[in-house]
C-alpha atoms as a PDB file:
ATOM      1  CA  MET A   1     -41.595   6.887  -4.157  1.00  0.00           C
ATOM      2  CA  ASN A   2     -40.225   5.905  -7.524  1.00  0.00           C
ATOM      3  CA  ASN A   3     -39.834   2.085  -7.906  1.00  0.00           C
ATOM      4  CA  GLU A   4     -38.295   2.221 -11.230  1.00  0.00           C
ATOM      5  CA  PHE A   5     -34.723   0.926 -11.363  1.00  0.00           C
ATOM      6  CA  SER A   6     -31.993   1.329 -14.029  1.00  0.00           C
ATOM      7  CA  ARG A   7     -30.845  -1.793 -15.811  1.00  0.00           C
ATOM      8  CA  GLU A   8     -27.729  -1.873 -13.670  1.00  0.00           C
ATOM      9  CA  GLU A   9     -29.653  -1.486 -10.459  1.00  0.00           C
ATOM     10  CA  GLU A  10     -31.987  -4.361 -11.559  1.00  0.00           C
ATOM     11  CA  GLU A  11     -29.032  -6.613 -12.076  1.00  0.00           C
ATOM     12  CA  ILE A  12     -27.546  -5.772  -8.692  1.00  0.00           C
ATOM     13  CA  LEU A  13     -30.926  -6.354  -6.998  1.00  0.00           C
ATOM     14  CA  ASN A  14     -31.428  -9.743  -8.868  1.00  0.00           C
ATOM     15  CA  ALA A  15     -27.997 -10.855  -7.917  1.00  0.00           C
ATOM     16  CA  TYR A  16     -28.606  -9.885  -4.280  1.00  0.00           C
ATOM     17  CA  GLU A  17     -31.876 -11.859  -4.205  1.00  0.00           C
ATOM     18  CA  LYS A  18     -30.116 -14.908  -5.566  1.00  0.00           C
ATOM     19  CA  ASN A  19     -27.425 -14.611  -2.927  1.00  0.00           C
ATOM     20  CA  GLU A  20     -24.662 -14.260  -5.610  1.00  0.00           C
ATOM     21  CA  PHE A  21     -22.700 -11.880  -3.432  1.00  0.00           C
ATOM     22  CA  LYS A  22     -19.784 -13.285  -1.396  1.00  0.00           C
ATOM     23  CA  GLU A  23     -19.018 -12.040   2.146  1.00  0.00           C
ATOM     24  CA  ILE A  24     -15.711 -10.375   2.417  1.00  0.00           C
ATOM     25  CA  PRO A  25     -13.491 -11.653   5.201  1.00  0.00           C
ATOM     26  CA  ASN A  26     -11.819  -8.908   7.319  1.00  0.00           C
ATOM     27  CA  MET A  27     -14.286  -6.263   6.094  1.00  0.00           C
ATOM     28  CA  GLU A  28     -12.986  -3.538   8.403  1.00  0.00           C
ATOM     29  CA  GLU A  29      -9.450  -4.027   7.210  1.00  0.00           C
ATOM     30  CA  GLU A  30     -10.607  -3.927   3.602  1.00  0.00           C
ATOM     31  CA  ILE A  31     -12.533  -0.694   4.271  1.00  0.00           C
ATOM     32  CA  LYS A  32      -9.404   0.878   5.859  1.00  0.00           C
ATOM     33  CA  LYS A  33      -7.261  -0.246   2.977  1.00  0.00           C
ATOM     34  CA  HIS A  34      -9.572   1.323   0.430  1.00  0.00           C
ATOM     35  CA  VAL A  35      -9.915   4.498   2.496  1.00  0.00           C
ATOM     36  CA  GLU A  36      -6.114   4.760   2.361  1.00  0.00           C
ATOM     37  CA  TYR A  37      -6.174   4.277  -1.388  1.00  0.00           C
ATOM     38  CA  ALA A  38      -8.716   7.098  -1.738  1.00  0.00           C
ATOM     39  CA  ARG A  39      -6.657   9.354   0.603  1.00  0.00           C
ATOM     40  CA  ALA A  40      -3.406   8.593  -1.403  1.00  0.00           C
ATOM     41  CA  THR A  41      -5.185   9.350  -4.691  1.00  0.00           C
ATOM     42  CA  TYR A  42      -6.629  12.637  -3.251  1.00  0.00           C
ATOM     43  CA  LEU A  43      -3.242  13.764  -1.953  1.00  0.00           C
ATOM     44  CA  LYS A  44      -1.562  12.946  -5.272  1.00  0.00           C
ATOM     45  CA  LYS A  45      -4.118  15.010  -7.064  1.00  0.00           C
ATOM     46  CA  GLN A  46      -3.615  17.871  -4.694  1.00  0.00           C
ATOM     47  CA  ASN A  47       0.114  17.689  -5.279  1.00  0.00           C
ATOM     48  CA  LEU A  48      -0.372  17.664  -9.025  1.00  0.00           C
ATOM     49  CA  ASP A  49      -2.773  20.658  -8.796  1.00  0.00           C
ATOM     50  CA  LEU A  50      -0.135  22.518  -6.732  1.00  0.00           C
ATOM     51  CA  GLU A  51       2.645  21.766  -9.179  1.00  0.00           C
ATOM     52  CA  ARG A  52       0.502  22.765 -12.004  1.00  0.00           C
ATOM     53  CA  LYS A  53      -0.297  26.206 -10.345  1.00  0.00           C
ATOM     54  CA  GLN A  54       3.457  26.710  -9.632  1.00  0.00           C
ATOM     55  CA  ASN A  55       4.307  25.926 -13.311  1.00  0.00           C
ATOM     56  CA  ILE A  56       1.683  28.404 -14.497  1.00  0.00           C
ATOM     57  CA  SER A  57       3.013  31.018 -12.142  1.00  0.00           C
ATOM     58  CA  GLU A  58       6.492  30.401 -13.431  1.00  0.00           C
ATOM     59  CA  ALA A  59       5.353  30.715 -17.062  1.00  0.00           C
ATOM     60  CA  ILE A  60       3.583  33.942 -16.350  1.00  0.00           C
ATOM     61  CA  LYS A  61       6.627  35.360 -14.662  1.00  0.00           C
ATOM     62  CA  ILE A  62       8.810  34.466 -17.674  1.00  0.00           C
ATOM     63  CA  GLN A  63       6.297  35.860 -20.068  1.00  0.00           C
ATOM     64  CA  ASN A  64       6.206  39.161 -18.124  1.00  0.00           C
ATOM     65  CA  ASP A  65       9.952  39.383 -17.973  1.00  0.00           C
ATOM     66  CA  LEU A  66      10.189  38.717 -21.792  1.00  0.00           C
ATOM     67  CA  LYS A  67       7.657  41.490 -22.361  1.00  0.00           C
ATOM     68  CA  LYS A  68       9.600  43.835 -20.205  1.00  0.00           C
ATOM     69  CA  TYR A  69      12.873  43.170 -22.058  1.00  0.00           C
ATOM     70  CA  SER A  70      11.383  43.156 -25.561  1.00  0.00           C
ATOM     71  CA  LYS A  71      10.301  46.873 -25.075  1.00  0.00           C
ATOM     72  CA  GLY A  72       7.158  46.518 -27.182  1.00  0.00           C
ATOM     73  CA  TRP A  73       8.571  44.328 -29.931  1.00  0.00           C
ATOM     74  CA  ASP A  74       5.599  42.349 -31.377  1.00  0.00           C
ATOM     75  CA  GLY A  75       6.714  38.982 -32.869  1.00  0.00           C
ATOM     76  CA  VAL A  76       3.351  38.354 -34.485  1.00  0.00           C
ATOM     77  CA  SER A  77       3.447  41.507 -36.594  1.00  0.00           C
ATOM     78  CA  GLU A  78       7.115  40.694 -37.535  1.00  0.00           C
ATOM     79  CA  ILE A  79       6.090  37.342 -38.836  1.00  0.00           C
ATOM     80  CA  ARG A  80       3.207  38.876 -40.781  1.00  0.00           C
ATOM     81  CA  LYS A  81       5.619  41.292 -42.442  1.00  0.00           C
ATOM     82  CA  TRP A  82       7.786  38.367 -43.558  1.00  0.00           C
ATOM     83  CA  ARG A  83       4.808  36.490 -44.998  1.00  0.00           C
ATOM     84  CA  GLU A  84       3.619  39.463 -47.076  1.00  0.00           C
ATOM     85  CA  PRO A  85       4.440  39.236 -50.707  1.00  0.00           C
ATOM     86  CA  ARG A  86       7.260  41.587 -51.662  1.00  0.00           C
END
């Protein structure tokens, strides 16, 4: 077993040995509260991911529609023509 600790782990261990930690009243309520925070954060991230996917799908649809209506027009080559010295 490896008994080497990181600096942070050493600090935590030393603080524990010196009884520098305080007991948290209503520990079960605190745990439930933080579990709810974590759940809310997870759900918010899921909603943002779903919204991002919908936005990407919408952008792809618009891009495909523009390609269909442009009938092969290539804007990049047009701009290059304009930039060429005359």
